[in-house]
Amino acid sequence: MNQNKVKRVRDLVDGVLLLDKPVGFSSNDALIKAKRVLNAKKAGHTGTLDPFATGLLPLCFGEATKFSQDLLEADKTYDTVVHLGQTTDTGDTEGEVIDTRDVNVTLEQIHAVLEQFRGPIAQVPPMYSALKRDGKPLYEYARAGITLEREARNVTIHKLELIAYEAPMLKLSVTCSKGTYIRVLGQDIGAALGCGAHLNALRRTQVGPLTMENMITLDALIAHPEPLSLLAPVDALLASFPAIQLNAELAKRFLNGQRLALGKEPVTVPAEEGRVRVYLGDKLLGTAMLGEYSILAPERLIAFTPQ
């Protein structure tokens, strides 16, 4: 008897889902569940959240995956609770406590220490991370009891605000550059205060131009009668870039990968050079770099044929 399993046919789904990732799910687990609910053929996420973390996880489907790199590079904002006086081997609640100290710090000391971490700083990536060494993630070495040397990386803390302090819990709001480990930031703040620390909670509230507005939980997505209606359009990822409108002739050339000299065309051109989003009417064609002399150079293009 033929037991061959019938392969599920996935749909071509385009758009962005602003998921509120629950505690206990890896970012990839959350993506797989959402992809299954939407029956989407192609999907990806835009920056990993640790399993113990919650909050904004933008998921890209179909054509939106072409632009997910912009969010990987974007600044991110978090609310976090730092538990002073306890250090864990992972830097968060999932690890084992390896050191406990008394917490005798004042608000003045906290403000002075936070000032040290604003602006450009160097961070040593944690052993419990997905960074790879010789093809194997660091957390696999850590679980085997092996600690490897890691080079410090330069990151920028754009904003570091004290929201509340009720010893031993320190609640902070952080806006930072890509590649910043909030777990490491919490540990380093605890070390600077002389009592050690780990993250008790972490919630991401913003990624680039995307905020928690219209964010949906996984349970609500699963229960929704029309889950596809929850998707934001592909260009939701590109809202921070100026827009350029092309006519049909220029759009065809653009989609063929041709550079366009817009200074010679009846097109309104943004005043500043840099990345732009390009349209024909209300149809997104892709992104491009607007350079000197109003030269438009295509970057990532949408699969779209002008009528």
Protein backbone atom coordinates (compact mmCIF):
# COMPACT_ATOMS: atom_id res chain seq x y z
CA MET A 1 0.00 0.00 0.00
CA ASN A 2 1.33 3.41 -0.99
CA GLN A 3 1.88 5.46 2.14
CA ASN A 4 3.31 8.48 0.32
CA LYS A 5 2.26 11.66 2.05
CA VAL A 6 0.54 14.27 -0.10
CA LYS A 7 2.63 17.43 -0.08
CA ARG A 8 0.76 20.50 1.12
CA VAL A 9 0.34 23.20 -1.52
CA ARG A 10 1.35 26.58 -0.11
CA ASP A 11 -0.08 29.91 -1.28
CA LEU A 12 1.77 32.93 -2.64
CA VAL A 13 1.22 35.31 0.26
CA ASP A 14 2.78 38.80 0.31
CA GLY A 15 2.85 41.13 3.30
CA VAL A 16 4.06 41.79 6.84
CA LEU A 17 2.66 40.44 10.09
CA LEU A 18 3.46 42.28 13.32
CA LEU A 19 3.53 39.38 15.74
CA ASP A 20 3.61 39.69 19.53
CA LYS A 21 5.97 36.77 20.21
CA PRO A 22 5.02 34.85 23.34
CA VAL A 23 7.36 33.66 26.07
CA GLY A 24 8.82 30.20 25.46
CA PHE A 25 8.87 30.34 21.66
CA SER A 26 11.97 30.79 19.59
CA SER A 27 11.59 33.31 16.78
CA ASN A 28 11.75 30.46 14.28
CA ASP A 29 9.05 28.47 16.13
CA ALA A 30 6.76 31.50 16.02
CA LEU A 31 7.48 31.99 12.31
CA ILE A 32 6.70 28.36 11.48
CA LYS A 33 3.36 28.52 13.30
CA ALA A 34 2.36 31.79 11.61
CA LYS A 35 3.45 30.46 8.21
CA ARG A 36 1.26 27.40 8.72
CA VAL A 37 -1.77 29.48 9.74
CA LEU A 38 -1.40 31.69 6.63
CA ASN A 39 -0.49 28.70 4.43
CA ALA A 40 2.33 30.84 3.05
CA LYS A 41 4.94 29.51 0.65
CA LYS A 42 7.79 31.84 1.64
CA ALA A 43 8.46 33.57 4.97
CA GLY A 44 11.18 34.98 7.19
CA HIS A 45 11.60 36.99 10.39
CA THR A 46 13.54 40.21 10.89
CA GLY A 47 15.73 39.75 13.92
CA THR A 48 15.77 37.04 16.57
CA LEU A 49 14.13 37.38 19.97
CA ASP A 50 15.33 35.00 22.69
CA PRO A 51 12.72 32.43 23.85
CA PHE A 52 12.23 34.22 27.21
CA ALA A 53 11.61 37.56 25.43
CA THR A 54 8.28 38.85 24.12
CA GLY A 55 7.08 41.61 21.85
CA LEU A 56 7.39 42.85 18.32
CA LEU A 57 8.59 40.24 15.83
CA PRO A 58 7.88 41.43 12.27
CA LEU A 59 7.31 38.44 9.99
CA CYS A 60 7.76 38.87 6.24
CA PHE A 61 5.90 36.82 3.65
CA GLY A 62 6.50 36.45 -0.07
CA GLU A 63 7.79 39.62 -1.72
CA ALA A 64 8.25 41.28 1.68
CA THR A 65 11.17 38.93 2.43
CA LYS A 66 13.22 40.88 -0.15
CA PHE A 67 13.20 43.88 2.19
CA SER A 68 13.67 42.17 5.56
CA GLN A 69 17.38 43.06 5.60
CA ASP A 70 16.45 46.71 6.18
CA LEU A 71 14.83 45.73 9.49
CA LEU A 72 17.75 43.51 10.46
CA GLU A 73 19.94 46.60 10.14
CA ALA A 74 17.45 48.91 11.91
CA ASP A 75 17.57 50.32 15.45
CA LYS A 76 15.40 48.53 17.99
CA THR A 77 13.67 49.55 21.24
CA TYR A 78 13.08 47.36 24.29
CA ASP A 79 11.55 47.51 27.75
CA THR A 80 13.53 45.36 30.13
CA VAL A 81 13.63 44.47 33.82
CA VAL A 82 17.12 43.91 35.24
CA HIS A 83 17.28 41.77 38.38
CA LEU A 84 20.16 43.15 40.43
CA GLY A 85 22.10 40.95 42.82
CA GLN A 86 21.78 37.68 40.89
CA THR A 87 24.01 36.56 38.02
CA THR A 88 23.02 33.62 35.83
CA ASP A 89 25.11 31.68 33.35
CA THR A 90 22.86 32.73 30.44
CA GLY A 91 22.29 36.34 31.53
CA ASP A 92 18.52 35.79 31.75
CA THR A 93 15.89 33.78 33.66
CA GLU A 94 16.55 30.59 31.68
CA GLY A 95 19.98 30.04 33.22
CA GLU A 96 21.33 28.78 36.52
CA VAL A 97 22.18 31.29 39.25
CA ILE A 98 25.96 31.37 39.60
CA ASP A 99 26.40 34.30 42.00
CA THR A 100 24.23 36.15 44.54
CA ARG A 101 25.13 39.44 46.21
CA ASP A 102 23.46 42.05 48.40
CA VAL A 103 21.95 45.03 46.57
CA ASN A 104 22.82 48.32 48.23
CA VAL A 105 22.74 50.87 45.44
CA THR A 106 21.21 54.34 45.36
CA LEU A 107 19.35 56.09 42.57
CA GLU A 108 22.32 58.43 42.21
CA GLN A 109 24.63 55.45 41.62
CA ILE A 110 22.20 53.96 39.10
CA HIS A 111 21.97 57.20 37.12
CA ALA A 112 25.78 57.54 37.12
CA VAL A 113 26.24 53.97 35.84
CA LEU A 114 23.56 54.29 33.15
CA GLU A 115 25.38 57.35 31.80
CA GLN A 116 28.45 55.16 31.21
CA PHE A 117 26.50 52.97 28.80
CA ARG A 118 24.93 55.67 26.62
CA GLY A 119 26.40 56.23 23.17
CA PRO A 120 29.01 53.99 21.48
CA ILE A 121 30.09 51.05 23.65
CA ALA A 122 31.90 47.74 23.18
CA GLN A 123 30.12 44.48 24.01
CA VAL A 124 31.48 40.96 24.25
CA PRO A 125 28.84 38.61 22.74
CA PRO A 126 27.53 36.05 25.25
CA MET A 127 28.41 32.37 25.05
CA TYR A 128 24.70 31.59 25.08
CA SER A 129 24.08 33.06 21.62
CA ALA A 130 23.51 31.84 18.07
CA LEU A 131 26.78 33.32 16.81
CA LYS A 132 28.77 30.57 15.13
CA ARG A 133 32.36 29.38 15.60
CA ASP A 134 33.62 26.72 13.18
CA GLY A 135 30.07 26.17 11.96
CA LYS A 136 28.64 25.54 15.42
CA PRO A 137 26.59 28.06 17.48
CA LEU A 138 28.25 29.33 20.64
CA TYR A 139 25.43 28.05 22.85
CA GLU A 140 26.37 24.47 21.92
CA TYR A 141 29.89 25.05 23.27
CA ALA A 142 28.40 26.71 26.38
CA ARG A 143 26.11 23.74 27.05
CA ALA A 144 29.16 21.49 26.84
CA GLY A 145 30.89 23.63 29.47
CA ILE A 146 33.30 25.20 26.99
CA THR A 147 34.00 28.95 27.04
CA LEU A 148 35.62 30.48 23.97
CA GLU A 149 37.30 33.83 23.53
CA ARG A 150 35.00 36.34 21.80
CA GLU A 151 35.98 39.65 20.30
CA ALA A 152 34.17 42.74 21.57
CA ARG A 153 31.80 44.35 19.06
CA ASN A 154 30.99 48.04 18.76
CA VAL A 155 27.33 48.93 19.23
CA THR A 156 25.49 52.14 20.06
CA ILE A 157 22.99 52.74 22.86
CA HIS A 158 20.93 55.64 21.52
CA LYS A 159 18.65 55.84 24.57
CA LEU A 160 18.88 54.32 28.05
CA GLU A 161 16.19 55.52 30.42
CA LEU A 162 15.36 54.53 33.98
CA ILE A 163 11.63 53.79 34.14
CA ALA A 164 11.40 52.51 37.72
CA TYR A 165 13.53 51.09 40.52
CA GLU A 166 12.20 48.90 43.30
CA ALA A 167 15.16 46.94 44.63
CA PRO A 168 16.26 44.54 43.32
CA MET A 169 14.31 45.21 40.09
CA LEU A 170 15.50 47.90 37.70
CA LYS A 171 13.14 48.70 34.80
CA LEU A 172 14.76 50.33 31.76
CA SER A 173 13.86 51.47 28.26
CA VAL A 174 16.61 50.92 25.67
CA THR A 175 16.95 52.03 22.05
CA CYS A 176 20.02 50.53 20.41
CA SER A 177 21.78 49.69 17.17
CA LYS A 178 21.69 46.28 15.50
CA GLY A 179 23.73 43.57 17.15
CA THR A 180 23.19 44.84 20.71
CA TYR A 181 22.65 42.15 23.34
CA ILE A 182 20.32 43.51 26.03
CA ARG A 183 21.27 40.53 28.21
CA VAL A 184 24.89 41.64 28.10
CA LEU A 185 23.89 45.25 28.76
CA GLY A 186 21.99 44.14 31.86
CA GLN A 187 24.93 42.05 33.07
CA ASP A 188 27.39 44.88 32.47
CA ILE A 189 25.19 47.37 34.34
CA GLY A 190 25.01 44.96 37.28
CA ALA A 191 28.78 44.51 37.22
CA ALA A 192 29.33 48.28 37.16
CA LEU A 193 27.03 48.61 40.19
CA GLY A 194 29.08 45.95 41.98
CA CYS A 195 26.23 43.53 42.59
CA GLY A 196 25.82 41.60 39.34
CA ALA A 197 22.56 41.16 37.43
CA HIS A 198 20.54 39.21 34.92
CA LEU A 199 17.49 40.04 32.80
CA ASN A 200 14.18 39.19 34.46
CA ALA A 201 12.08 40.27 31.46
CA LEU A 202 12.57 41.64 27.95
CA ARG A 203 9.95 43.04 25.59
CA ARG A 204 10.69 44.54 22.17
CA THR A 205 8.47 47.53 21.39
CA GLN A 206 9.86 48.90 18.11
CA VAL A 207 11.87 47.75 15.09
CA GLY A 208 12.90 50.55 12.73
CA PRO A 209 9.67 52.40 11.81
CA LEU A 210 7.43 49.54 13.03
CA THR A 211 5.76 49.86 16.44
CA MET A 212 3.47 47.73 18.63
CA GLU A 213 0.39 49.31 17.06
CA ASN A 214 -1.60 46.62 15.19
CA MET A 215 0.55 43.89 16.74
CA ILE A 216 -1.28 40.56 17.17
CA THR A 217 -0.69 37.58 19.43
CA LEU A 218 -0.16 34.09 18.07
CA ASP A 219 -3.35 32.86 19.73
CA ALA A 220 -5.37 35.68 18.14
CA LEU A 221 -3.85 34.91 14.75
CA ILE A 222 -4.78 31.24 15.03
CA ALA A 223 -8.34 32.07 16.11
CA HIS A 224 -8.94 34.78 13.48
CA PRO A 225 -11.48 33.83 10.78
CA GLU A 226 -9.55 35.71 8.08
CA PRO A 227 -5.87 35.76 9.12
CA LEU A 228 -4.70 37.10 5.75
CA SER A 229 -6.58 40.34 6.51
CA LEU A 230 -4.12 40.97 9.35
CA LEU A 231 -1.16 41.41 6.98
CA ALA A 232 0.24 44.87 6.42
CA PRO A 233 1.35 45.64 2.85
CA VAL A 234 4.91 44.94 1.74
CA ASP A 235 5.83 48.63 1.82
CA ALA A 236 5.10 48.80 5.56
CA LEU A 237 8.77 47.86 5.92
CA LEU A 238 9.85 50.85 3.85
CA ALA A 239 7.80 53.66 5.40
CA SER A 240 10.87 55.61 6.51
CA PHE A 241 12.19 55.99 2.93
CA PRO A 242 11.04 58.78 0.55
CA ALA A 243 8.76 57.68 -2.29
CA ILE A 244 9.22 58.25 -6.03
CA GLN A 245 6.42 57.83 -8.59
CA LEU A 246 7.34 56.62 -12.09
CA ASN A 247 5.25 56.56 -15.23
CA ALA A 248 4.61 53.26 -17.06
CA GLU A 249 7.54 53.64 -19.47
CA LEU A 250 10.05 54.44 -16.73
CA ALA A 251 8.60 51.68 -14.52
CA LYS A 252 9.22 49.09 -17.24
CA ARG A 253 12.84 50.21 -17.58
CA PHE A 254 13.27 50.26 -13.81
CA LEU A 255 11.96 46.68 -13.47
CA ASN A 256 14.43 45.63 -16.15
CA GLY A 257 17.19 46.83 -13.84
CA GLN A 258 18.06 49.97 -15.79
CA ARG A 259 19.50 53.04 -14.09
CA LEU A 260 17.33 56.08 -14.72
CA ALA A 261 18.45 59.70 -15.07
CA LEU A 262 15.43 61.29 -13.38
CA GLY A 263 16.73 64.82 -13.82
CA LYS A 264 15.70 64.58 -17.47
CA GLU A 265 12.24 63.13 -16.74
CA PRO A 266 8.93 64.65 -15.52
CA VAL A 267 9.33 63.03 -12.10
CA THR A 268 9.34 64.65 -8.67
CA VAL A 269 12.66 63.76 -7.05
CA PRO A 270 13.37 63.89 -3.27
CA ALA A 271 15.77 66.62 -2.20
CA GLU A 272 18.21 64.23 -0.50
CA GLU A 273 20.17 61.35 -1.96
CA GLY A 274 19.83 57.87 -0.48
CA ARG A 275 17.50 54.88 -0.44
CA VAL A 276 13.97 55.42 -1.83
CA ARG A 277 10.87 53.31 -2.48
CA VAL A 278 9.61 53.35 -6.04
CA TYR A 279 5.99 53.12 -7.27
CA LEU A 280 3.81 52.97 -10.33
CA GLY A 281 0.55 54.38 -9.05
CA ASP A 282 -0.16 52.46 -5.83
CA LYS A 283 1.99 49.49 -6.87
CA LEU A 284 5.35 49.14 -5.15
CA LEU A 285 8.08 48.35 -7.69
CA GLY A 286 10.97 48.02 -5.24
CA THR A 287 13.75 50.03 -3.64
CA ALA A 288 16.54 52.02 -5.26
CA MET A 289 19.41 54.33 -4.44
CA LEU A 290 18.99 57.92 -5.56
CA GLY A 291 22.44 59.28 -6.31
CA GLU A 292 24.19 62.32 -7.66
CA TYR A 293 22.55 64.07 -10.63
CA SER A 294 19.24 62.31 -9.73
CA ILE A 295 20.43 58.93 -11.00
CA LEU A 296 18.07 56.19 -9.79
CA ALA A 297 19.79 52.80 -9.40
CA PRO A 298 17.47 49.78 -8.79
CA GLU A 299 18.17 47.62 -5.73
CA ARG A 300 15.53 45.05 -4.76
CA LEU A 301 12.61 44.66 -7.16
CA ILE A 302 9.08 43.36 -6.78
CA ALA A 303 7.81 40.67 -9.16
CA PHE A 304 5.35 42.93 -10.97
CA THR A 305 4.62 43.59 -14.64
CA PRO A 306 3.14 47.02 -15.51
CA GLN A 307 -0.03 46.85 -17.58
